[in-house]
Amino acid sequence: MTVANKWYLRDPVSNHETEVPIRLLRSTIGKLSAAGKIPLSTKSPRDRWIAHDWFHSLHLYAEMRGGYPNGSNGNDGGIRLFPNRQRDKNVVRLPSPRLLPLMDTADVLLKRRTWRAFKADMITSRDLSDALYYGARRYPLRSLDVYLIILRVDNIPRGVYRYNADAHLLETVREGDFTDSIYNASQRQYVDNSAVVFLISADYSRAMRDNRNAAAYSNIMIDAARLAHLIILTATCLGLKNFLTPAIKESITDDLLTLDGWSKGSLYLVAIGR
């Protein structure tokens, strides 16, 4: 929100407002522009799309949106809009999240790196709570679920968990050490020494409840990448290393998460740690 020449960020849960100085916003835009991340241009949006050779993609996306029923005739088998709640499962309550330090967004973006070596050190449950709260809880998870393979987090046993964003807690899916499984599922890519592995999965029945067309599937892929992006930026802000990849063996990850791979399936992997 804005008041006169001031900008504020409002926490939707606590309703706490933090003032963001105008100079910080200007600094962020200036740094990203200087780094070539957001080149300033006077071209029209259409000309910019053409210059980046994106215009054909826009046309294809628009064409995909029609020609399919939207499933609103009541004969869709009662597909649920909201995620199922695993009320019969054990839950792990997370510590209350802290306020993140007020950092220049440009500094976080430019500092972010993909790490291919972790130290096999523990992280705190509060670090995990912050990463989930700022990285996943504020993102609309209508079509996505976030699962976690806990490897090295204090006060949380190793196992597979599902993040309940509404209650900000973890629901136990499977207990045990699944280091080897997730290492093989990631094509043996660097995650075995991490502290937590996030697996972003799609609930296709929820995602296509109203729009049963190819564009709905495209939106799922875009949403998964955006969610992964938020998690790695939050991890960077917390001083944690991160690694991400969509190159996973879905047959292993779906089995690990107890998903059928048809109505629900895993899409993206993000690992964080020291």
Protein backbone atom coordinates (compact mmCIF):
# COMPACT_ATOMS: atom_id res chain seq x y z
CA MET A 1 0.00 0.00 0.00
CA THR A 2 1.03 3.63 -0.42
CA VAL A 3 0.48 6.68 1.78
CA ALA A 4 1.57 9.96 0.18
CA ASN A 5 5.14 9.22 -0.96
CA LYS A 6 5.62 6.25 1.36
CA TRP A 7 5.32 2.55 0.56
CA TYR A 8 4.37 -0.14 3.07
CA LEU A 9 4.50 -3.94 3.01
CA ARG A 10 1.63 -5.47 4.99
CA ASP A 11 1.81 -8.97 6.47
CA PRO A 12 -1.59 -10.56 5.64
CA VAL A 13 -1.50 -12.68 8.81
CA SER A 14 -0.25 -10.35 11.55
CA ASN A 15 -1.39 -7.18 9.71
CA HIS A 16 2.00 -5.71 10.61
CA GLU A 17 3.18 -2.95 8.26
CA THR A 18 6.80 -2.28 7.39
CA GLU A 19 7.73 0.96 5.67
CA VAL A 20 9.82 0.57 2.52
CA PRO A 21 11.81 3.74 1.83
CA ILE A 22 11.45 5.20 -1.65
CA ARG A 23 15.23 5.37 -1.91
CA LEU A 24 15.35 1.60 -1.40
CA LEU A 25 12.95 1.04 -4.29
CA ARG A 26 14.96 3.38 -6.50
CA SER A 27 18.18 1.67 -5.47
CA THR A 28 16.72 -1.74 -6.30
CA ILE A 29 15.60 -0.66 -9.76
CA GLY A 30 18.93 1.05 -10.41
CA LYS A 31 21.01 -1.99 -9.41
CA LEU A 32 18.93 -4.43 -11.44
CA SER A 33 19.04 -2.12 -14.44
CA ALA A 34 22.83 -1.72 -14.15
CA ALA A 35 23.19 -5.51 -13.96
CA GLY A 36 21.10 -5.90 -17.11
CA LYS A 37 18.32 -7.77 -15.28
CA ILE A 38 15.57 -5.26 -16.05
CA PRO A 39 16.76 -3.22 -19.02
CA LEU A 40 14.82 0.03 -19.17
CA SER A 41 13.23 0.67 -22.53
CA THR A 42 10.85 3.15 -24.11
CA LYS A 43 9.59 0.52 -26.54
CA SER A 44 5.96 -0.52 -26.46
CA PRO A 45 5.15 -3.91 -24.84
CA ARG A 46 4.41 -5.32 -28.29
CA ASP A 47 7.81 -4.21 -29.62
CA ARG A 48 9.59 -5.69 -26.61
CA TRP A 49 7.86 -9.04 -27.14
CA ILE A 50 8.89 -9.01 -30.80
CA ALA A 51 12.48 -7.99 -29.94
CA HIS A 52 12.80 -10.97 -27.57
CA ASP A 53 11.19 -13.32 -30.11
CA TRP A 54 8.33 -14.02 -27.68
CA PHE A 55 5.46 -12.94 -29.92
CA HIS A 56 4.83 -16.40 -31.36
CA SER A 57 4.69 -17.82 -27.83
CA LEU A 58 2.07 -15.25 -26.88
CA HIS A 59 0.00 -16.18 -29.93
CA LEU A 60 0.28 -19.90 -29.12
CA TYR A 61 -0.70 -19.33 -25.50
CA ALA A 62 -3.77 -17.34 -26.54
CA GLU A 63 -4.80 -20.00 -29.06
CA MET A 64 -4.57 -22.77 -26.43
CA ARG A 65 -7.16 -21.16 -24.20
CA GLY A 66 -10.24 -22.07 -26.20
CA GLY A 67 -12.11 -25.08 -27.49
CA TYR A 68 -12.43 -27.11 -24.28
CA PRO A 69 -15.27 -27.44 -21.78
CA ASN A 70 -14.69 -25.67 -18.49
CA GLY A 71 -16.21 -28.40 -16.36
CA SER A 72 -18.83 -26.14 -14.81
CA ASN A 73 -21.82 -28.36 -15.66
CA GLY A 74 -21.75 -30.13 -12.30
CA ASN A 75 -20.71 -33.50 -13.80
CA ASP A 76 -17.05 -33.33 -12.84
CA GLY A 77 -17.29 -35.83 -10.01
CA GLY A 78 -17.26 -33.24 -7.28
CA ILE A 79 -13.66 -32.09 -7.68
CA ARG A 80 -12.59 -30.24 -4.56
CA LEU A 81 -11.34 -26.68 -4.80
CA PHE A 82 -9.17 -26.84 -1.69
CA PRO A 83 -6.48 -29.35 -0.67
CA ASN A 84 -7.41 -32.38 1.37
CA ARG A 85 -6.51 -32.04 5.01
CA GLN A 86 -4.65 -34.99 6.49
CA ARG A 87 -6.38 -34.70 9.85
CA ASP A 88 -5.53 -38.26 10.84
CA LYS A 89 -1.80 -37.68 10.38
CA ASN A 90 0.73 -36.56 12.94
CA VAL A 91 1.65 -32.93 12.56
CA VAL A 92 4.75 -30.88 13.37
CA ARG A 93 4.04 -27.35 14.48
CA LEU A 94 6.58 -24.84 13.25
CA PRO A 95 8.03 -21.92 15.23
CA SER A 96 6.52 -18.51 14.61
CA PRO A 97 8.27 -16.87 11.65
CA ARG A 98 10.58 -13.94 12.18
CA LEU A 99 10.51 -10.71 10.25
CA LEU A 100 13.08 -10.98 7.49
CA PRO A 101 15.76 -8.30 7.42
CA LEU A 102 14.85 -5.38 5.19
CA MET A 103 17.20 -6.04 2.28
CA ASP A 104 17.45 -4.46 -1.11
CA THR A 105 15.69 -6.81 -3.51
CA ALA A 106 18.42 -6.23 -6.07
CA ASP A 107 21.07 -7.37 -3.57
CA VAL A 108 19.16 -10.59 -2.92
CA LEU A 109 18.67 -11.27 -6.63
CA LEU A 110 22.31 -10.60 -7.48
CA LYS A 111 23.59 -12.58 -4.49
CA ARG A 112 21.55 -15.69 -5.31
CA ARG A 113 23.62 -18.61 -6.59
CA THR A 114 22.95 -22.24 -7.39
CA TRP A 115 25.11 -24.34 -5.06
CA ARG A 116 26.32 -27.80 -5.93
CA ALA A 117 27.98 -28.58 -2.61
CA PHE A 118 26.40 -28.63 0.84
CA LYS A 119 28.21 -29.16 4.14
CA ALA A 120 25.80 -31.73 5.65
CA ASP A 121 25.16 -29.30 8.53
CA MET A 122 21.90 -28.84 10.41
CA ILE A 123 19.61 -25.87 10.00
CA THR A 124 17.18 -24.71 12.67
CA SER A 125 13.47 -25.38 12.61
CA ARG A 126 13.02 -21.59 12.73
CA ASP A 127 15.05 -21.27 9.51
CA LEU A 128 12.72 -23.81 7.91
CA SER A 129 9.68 -22.01 9.29
CA ASP A 130 10.87 -18.72 7.78
CA ALA A 131 11.66 -20.35 4.43
CA LEU A 132 8.17 -21.86 4.24
CA TYR A 133 6.33 -18.82 5.53
CA TYR A 134 7.92 -16.32 3.17
CA GLY A 135 8.70 -18.72 0.32
CA ALA A 136 5.53 -20.79 0.12
CA ARG A 137 2.78 -19.65 2.48
CA ARG A 138 2.20 -16.35 0.74
CA TYR A 139 2.04 -17.94 -2.68
CA PRO A 140 -1.45 -19.06 -3.80
CA LEU A 141 -1.20 -22.86 -3.64
CA ARG A 142 -4.52 -23.67 -5.25
CA SER A 143 -3.00 -26.04 -7.82
CA LEU A 144 0.26 -26.88 -6.04
CA ASP A 145 1.39 -28.73 -2.93
CA VAL A 146 4.76 -28.44 -1.22
CA TYR A 147 6.28 -31.61 0.20
CA LEU A 148 9.50 -31.74 2.20
CA ILE A 149 12.09 -34.43 2.74
CA ILE A 150 13.64 -33.49 6.07
CA LEU A 151 17.28 -34.54 6.30
CA ARG A 152 18.97 -32.18 8.78
CA VAL A 153 16.63 -29.91 10.74
CA ASP A 154 16.85 -29.66 14.50
CA ASN A 155 13.79 -30.85 16.45
CA ILE A 156 12.14 -32.33 13.35
CA PRO A 157 12.59 -36.09 12.70
CA ARG A 158 13.72 -37.22 9.28
CA GLY A 159 10.89 -38.10 6.98
CA VAL A 160 8.49 -36.91 4.30
CA TYR A 161 6.07 -34.12 5.15
CA ARG A 162 3.43 -32.04 3.43
CA TYR A 163 3.29 -28.31 4.15
CA ASN A 164 -0.12 -27.12 5.33
CA ALA A 165 0.06 -23.46 4.36
CA ASP A 166 -3.22 -22.50 6.01
CA ALA A 167 -2.09 -23.64 9.46
CA HIS A 168 1.67 -23.18 8.85
CA LEU A 169 2.56 -26.71 9.97
CA LEU A 170 3.92 -29.95 8.57
CA GLU A 171 1.77 -33.05 8.10
CA THR A 172 3.66 -36.33 8.37
CA VAL A 173 3.46 -38.46 5.21
CA ARG A 174 6.21 -41.01 5.92
CA GLU A 175 8.77 -41.36 8.67
CA GLY A 176 12.37 -42.43 8.10
CA ASP A 177 15.60 -41.56 6.33
CA PHE A 178 15.01 -41.15 2.59
CA THR A 179 18.40 -39.70 1.67
CA ASP A 180 19.18 -42.42 -0.88
CA SER A 181 15.74 -42.18 -2.48
CA ILE A 182 15.87 -38.44 -2.99
CA TYR A 183 19.49 -38.63 -4.16
CA ASN A 184 18.50 -41.13 -6.86
CA ALA A 185 15.35 -39.17 -7.70
CA SER A 186 17.42 -36.04 -8.31
CA GLN A 187 19.59 -37.87 -10.88
CA ARG A 188 22.36 -37.95 -8.24
CA GLN A 189 22.58 -34.16 -8.17
CA TYR A 190 24.12 -32.61 -5.07
CA VAL A 191 21.17 -32.91 -2.66
CA ASP A 192 22.28 -35.69 -0.32
CA ASN A 193 24.14 -33.28 2.00
CA SER A 194 21.41 -30.64 2.04
CA ALA A 195 19.18 -29.99 5.05
CA VAL A 196 15.78 -29.99 3.36
CA VAL A 197 14.54 -30.99 -0.07
CA PHE A 198 11.32 -29.35 -1.26
CA LEU A 199 9.29 -31.22 -3.85
CA ILE A 200 6.69 -29.07 -5.56
CA SER A 201 3.80 -31.16 -6.83
CA ALA A 202 0.69 -30.42 -8.86
CA ASP A 203 -2.88 -31.39 -8.12
CA TYR A 204 -4.20 -31.53 -11.67
CA SER A 205 -7.80 -32.09 -10.62
CA ARG A 206 -7.79 -28.84 -8.65
CA ALA A 207 -5.89 -26.95 -11.33
CA MET A 208 -8.24 -27.97 -14.14
CA ARG A 209 -11.48 -27.66 -12.23
CA ASP A 210 -12.55 -24.55 -14.14
CA ASN A 211 -10.22 -24.56 -17.17
CA ARG A 212 -9.70 -27.93 -18.78
CA ASN A 213 -7.36 -26.91 -21.54
CA ALA A 214 -3.70 -26.85 -22.44
CA ALA A 215 -3.25 -23.36 -21.00
CA ALA A 216 -4.19 -24.68 -17.54
CA TYR A 217 -1.28 -27.10 -17.75
CA SER A 218 1.03 -24.28 -18.85
CA ASN A 219 -0.08 -22.24 -15.85
CA ILE A 220 0.82 -25.12 -13.53
CA MET A 221 4.36 -25.18 -14.91
CA ILE A 222 4.68 -21.40 -14.57
CA ASP A 223 3.33 -21.46 -11.01
CA ALA A 224 5.74 -24.24 -10.01
CA ALA A 225 8.72 -22.26 -11.32
CA ARG A 226 7.55 -19.08 -9.59
CA LEU A 227 7.12 -20.92 -6.30
CA ALA A 228 10.61 -22.44 -6.59
CA HIS A 229 11.95 -18.95 -7.30
CA LEU A 230 10.38 -17.56 -4.12
CA ILE A 231 11.84 -20.38 -2.02
CA ILE A 232 15.40 -19.89 -3.29
CA LEU A 233 15.23 -16.10 -2.83
CA THR A 234 13.97 -16.54 0.73
CA ALA A 235 16.76 -19.04 1.39
CA THR A 236 19.29 -16.54 0.04
CA CYS A 237 17.88 -13.86 2.33
CA LEU A 238 18.31 -16.27 5.28
CA GLY A 239 21.94 -16.95 4.35
CA LEU A 240 21.25 -20.53 3.20
CA LYS A 241 22.59 -22.27 0.11
CA ASN A 242 20.11 -23.52 -2.46
CA PHE A 243 19.88 -25.76 -5.48
CA LEU A 244 16.95 -26.30 -7.83
CA THR A 245 16.10 -28.51 -10.79
CA PRO A 246 13.07 -29.86 -12.65
CA ALA A 247 15.20 -32.84 -13.76
CA ILE A 248 13.80 -35.44 -11.38
CA LYS A 249 12.71 -39.05 -11.74
CA GLU A 250 9.00 -38.67 -11.16
CA SER A 251 8.46 -42.40 -10.69
CA ILE A 252 10.64 -42.24 -7.57
CA THR A 253 9.39 -38.92 -6.21
CA ASP A 254 5.72 -39.77 -6.76
CA ASP A 255 6.19 -43.04 -4.91
CA LEU A 256 8.05 -41.22 -2.14
CA LEU A 257 5.19 -38.73 -1.75
CA THR A 258 2.48 -41.40 -2.21
CA LEU A 259 1.13 -39.67 -5.33
CA ASP A 260 -0.44 -41.56 -8.23
CA GLY A 261 1.39 -39.55 -10.91
CA TRP A 262 -1.87 -39.06 -12.78
CA SER A 263 -4.22 -36.84 -10.78
CA LYS A 264 -1.29 -35.63 -8.68
CA GLY A 265 2.39 -35.59 -9.56
CA SER A 266 5.74 -34.08 -8.61
CA LEU A 267 7.26 -31.37 -10.79
CA TYR A 268 10.18 -29.49 -9.27
CA LEU A 269 12.91 -29.96 -6.68
CA VAL A 270 14.53 -27.32 -4.48
CA ALA A 271 17.18 -28.10 -1.86
CA ILE A 272 18.45 -25.77 0.86
CA GLY A 273 21.14 -26.13 3.50
CA ARG A 274 24.49 -24.93 4.75
